[in-house]
Amino acid sequence: MRKYYLSLIIGFVLATSTQAQDTEAPMREASLVEVATVDAIIKTLYDVISGPAGQRRNWNKFRSLFRPEARLNSIGKGADGKAKLTTMTQEDYIRNVGPIFDEKGFFEKEIGRSAEKYGNMVHVFSAYETRFVVDGKVEVRGINSIQLVQKDGRFWILNIMWNPETPDNPIPEKYLKKS
């Protein structure tokens, strides 16, 4: 009888843990449609990093947009007022922004684009604006410089470098239009 109850308990635990796993949203990689064109991969990039406070980002999808050797680079000002470059891997970026995204909302959207393609390489200047609440005030604007390569039937991000707009470095008008 004791074995019977133990079997029942183990069966119940296994059944409920399987049900719990089935109800969680899987953190899937980007679909081929999400990386098939320049427009698609840029939209997917902005979508995957945007969301309200506490919303878990799909970091598997984020990772799948990039080549393994890709880098993310931020240009800002250091404490001394001079330009400061921070270079990160995808994992560095996730470690740096993950806790911030848990605490604050982050919504970044494209407000203009200039793109050039040659062979299998594409360079995109993507002007952006960032908000902490979906319809809140614009906190930051700037430009994402994104290098893409078309390989294996899809686009991959090789490099992103972003530079926020400042009063002495406004976004040029030509980057605020879609080309």
Protein backbone atom coordinates (compact mmCIF):
# COMPACT_ATOMS: atom_id res chain seq x y z
CA MET A 1 0.00 0.00 0.00
CA ARG A 2 2.85 2.34 0.85
CA LYS A 3 4.40 1.82 -2.61
CA TYR A 4 1.02 2.58 -4.16
CA TYR A 5 0.78 5.97 -2.40
CA LEU A 6 4.38 6.79 -3.23
CA SER A 7 3.69 5.97 -6.90
CA LEU A 8 0.59 8.15 -6.80
CA ILE A 9 2.51 11.08 -5.32
CA ILE A 10 5.36 10.74 -7.82
CA GLY A 11 2.83 10.47 -10.66
CA PHE A 12 1.01 13.57 -9.43
CA VAL A 13 4.25 15.56 -9.13
CA LEU A 14 5.36 14.54 -12.61
CA ALA A 15 1.96 15.30 -14.12
CA THR A 16 1.71 18.75 -12.53
CA SER A 17 5.29 19.69 -13.37
CA THR A 18 4.69 18.68 -17.00
CA GLN A 19 1.50 20.78 -17.07
CA ALA A 20 3.35 23.77 -15.62
CA GLN A 21 6.02 23.50 -18.28
CA ASP A 22 3.38 23.34 -21.02
CA THR A 23 1.75 26.60 -19.88
CA GLU A 24 4.97 28.64 -19.87
CA ALA A 25 5.66 30.58 -23.05
CA PRO A 26 8.64 28.99 -24.79
CA MET A 27 11.62 31.23 -25.41
CA ARG A 28 12.06 30.39 -29.04
CA GLU A 29 14.58 31.66 -31.55
CA ALA A 30 13.65 34.04 -34.35
CA SER A 31 11.66 32.47 -37.17
CA LEU A 32 12.94 32.61 -40.74
CA VAL A 33 10.28 35.24 -41.51
CA GLU A 34 11.71 37.47 -38.74
CA VAL A 35 15.20 37.45 -40.33
CA ALA A 36 14.38 37.07 -44.05
CA THR A 37 14.59 40.77 -44.94
CA VAL A 38 16.31 43.90 -43.63
CA ASP A 39 12.93 45.30 -42.54
CA ALA A 40 12.06 42.08 -40.72
CA ILE A 41 15.29 41.72 -38.74
CA ILE A 42 15.31 45.42 -37.73
CA LYS A 43 11.67 45.19 -36.58
CA THR A 44 12.42 41.98 -34.67
CA LEU A 45 15.43 43.60 -32.98
CA TYR A 46 13.34 46.53 -31.71
CA ASP A 47 10.45 44.25 -30.72
CA VAL A 48 12.57 41.79 -28.73
CA ILE A 49 14.22 44.44 -26.53
CA SER A 50 11.02 46.42 -25.92
CA GLY A 51 8.47 45.74 -23.20
CA PRO A 52 7.00 46.86 -19.88
CA ALA A 53 8.78 46.64 -16.53
CA GLY A 54 9.08 43.09 -15.33
CA GLN A 55 8.36 41.50 -18.72
CA ARG A 56 10.92 38.82 -19.38
CA ARG A 57 12.58 39.43 -22.73
CA ASN A 58 13.06 36.57 -25.15
CA TRP A 59 16.84 36.49 -24.98
CA ASN A 60 16.97 33.31 -27.10
CA LYS A 61 15.33 35.21 -29.94
CA PHE A 62 17.68 38.17 -29.31
CA ARG A 63 20.75 35.90 -29.50
CA SER A 64 19.49 34.26 -32.70
CA LEU A 65 19.53 37.60 -34.55
CA PHE A 66 23.32 37.86 -34.21
CA ARG A 67 26.32 36.04 -35.63
CA PRO A 68 28.31 34.46 -32.76
CA GLU A 69 31.19 36.93 -33.25
CA ALA A 70 28.90 40.00 -33.25
CA ARG A 71 29.48 42.97 -30.96
CA LEU A 72 27.28 45.68 -29.49
CA ASN A 73 28.92 49.06 -28.95
CA SER A 74 27.66 52.05 -27.02
CA ILE A 75 29.08 55.54 -27.45
CA GLY A 76 28.43 57.93 -24.60
CA LYS A 77 30.21 60.46 -22.45
CA GLY A 78 32.42 59.48 -19.56
CA ALA A 79 32.62 61.34 -16.24
CA ASP A 80 35.36 63.48 -17.79
CA GLY A 81 32.99 64.61 -20.57
CA LYS A 82 34.98 62.80 -23.25
CA ALA A 83 33.58 60.20 -25.62
CA LYS A 84 33.46 56.74 -24.09
CA LEU A 85 33.10 53.51 -26.07
CA THR A 86 31.74 50.39 -24.39
CA THR A 87 31.98 47.14 -26.38
CA MET A 88 29.90 44.11 -25.41
CA THR A 89 29.09 40.60 -26.52
CA GLN A 90 25.43 39.61 -26.64
CA GLU A 91 25.81 38.00 -23.21
CA ASP A 92 27.39 41.18 -21.78
CA TYR A 93 24.45 43.20 -23.12
CA ILE A 94 21.90 40.80 -21.61
CA ARG A 95 23.69 40.89 -18.22
CA ASN A 96 23.85 44.71 -18.31
CA VAL A 97 20.28 45.50 -19.40
CA GLY A 98 18.31 42.51 -18.09
CA PRO A 99 18.04 43.83 -14.50
CA ILE A 100 17.23 47.34 -15.78
CA PHE A 101 14.44 45.99 -18.01
CA ASP A 102 13.05 44.07 -15.03
CA GLU A 103 12.87 47.30 -13.03
CA LYS A 104 11.87 49.79 -15.74
CA GLY A 105 9.94 49.53 -18.93
CA PHE A 106 11.93 50.01 -22.12
CA PHE A 107 10.34 50.75 -25.47
CA GLU A 108 12.58 51.58 -28.39
CA LYS A 109 11.18 52.27 -31.84
CA GLU A 110 12.61 53.27 -35.15
CA ILE A 111 11.82 56.83 -36.25
CA GLY A 112 13.88 56.95 -39.45
CA ARG A 113 16.24 54.87 -41.52
CA SER A 114 18.95 55.12 -44.12
CA ALA A 115 20.25 51.85 -45.59
CA GLU A 116 22.84 50.89 -48.16
CA LYS A 117 23.42 47.43 -49.61
CA TYR A 118 26.36 46.05 -51.52
CA GLY A 119 26.45 42.36 -52.34
CA ASN A 120 25.63 40.48 -49.14
CA MET A 121 26.36 43.34 -46.76
CA VAL A 122 23.97 46.01 -45.55
CA HIS A 123 24.63 49.07 -43.43
CA VAL A 124 21.63 50.61 -41.67
CA PHE A 125 21.52 53.93 -39.83
CA SER A 126 18.37 53.48 -37.75
CA ALA A 127 17.24 56.58 -35.85
CA TYR A 128 15.42 55.61 -32.65
CA GLU A 129 13.51 56.99 -29.72
CA THR A 130 13.28 55.36 -26.31
CA ARG A 131 10.48 55.56 -23.75
CA PHE A 132 10.12 53.91 -20.35
CA VAL A 133 6.32 53.63 -20.73
CA VAL A 134 4.78 52.65 -24.07
CA ASP A 135 3.06 56.03 -24.61
CA GLY A 136 5.25 58.01 -22.19
CA LYS A 137 7.59 60.86 -22.95
CA VAL A 138 10.59 60.31 -25.18
CA GLU A 139 13.58 59.85 -22.89
CA VAL A 140 16.36 59.42 -25.45
CA ARG A 141 16.81 59.62 -29.19
CA GLY A 142 19.82 58.56 -31.19
CA ILE A 143 21.12 56.44 -34.02
CA ASN A 144 21.79 52.71 -34.15
CA SER A 145 24.43 51.89 -36.75
CA ILE A 146 23.69 48.28 -37.70
CA GLN A 147 25.83 46.10 -39.95
CA LEU A 148 24.10 43.08 -41.44
CA VAL A 149 25.25 40.17 -43.57
CA GLN A 150 23.01 38.04 -45.77
CA LYS A 151 24.15 34.44 -45.33
CA ASP A 152 22.49 31.02 -45.22
CA GLY A 153 19.18 32.35 -46.57
CA ARG A 154 18.72 35.03 -43.91
CA PHE A 155 20.11 38.26 -42.47
CA TRP A 156 22.40 38.32 -39.43
CA ILE A 157 23.51 41.24 -37.25
CA LEU A 158 27.31 41.53 -37.21
CA ASN A 159 27.62 44.79 -35.31
CA ILE A 160 25.50 47.44 -33.64
CA MET A 161 26.90 50.76 -32.47
CA TRP A 162 24.61 53.36 -30.95
CA ASN A 163 25.09 56.99 -30.12
CA PRO A 164 22.45 59.00 -28.25
CA GLU A 165 21.46 62.43 -29.48
CA THR A 166 22.76 65.41 -27.50
CA PRO A 167 22.16 69.16 -27.85
CA ASP A 168 25.55 69.52 -29.56
CA ASN A 169 25.01 66.38 -31.67
CA PRO A 170 21.41 66.36 -32.99
CA ILE A 171 20.21 63.65 -35.35
CA PRO A 172 20.62 64.93 -38.93
CA GLU A 173 17.28 65.34 -40.71
CA LYS A 174 18.26 62.87 -43.44
CA TYR A 175 18.25 60.04 -40.87
CA LEU A 176 14.75 60.86 -39.65
CA LYS A 177 13.22 59.72 -42.96
CA LYS A 178 12.77 56.18 -44.22
CA SER A 179 14.85 55.44 -47.30
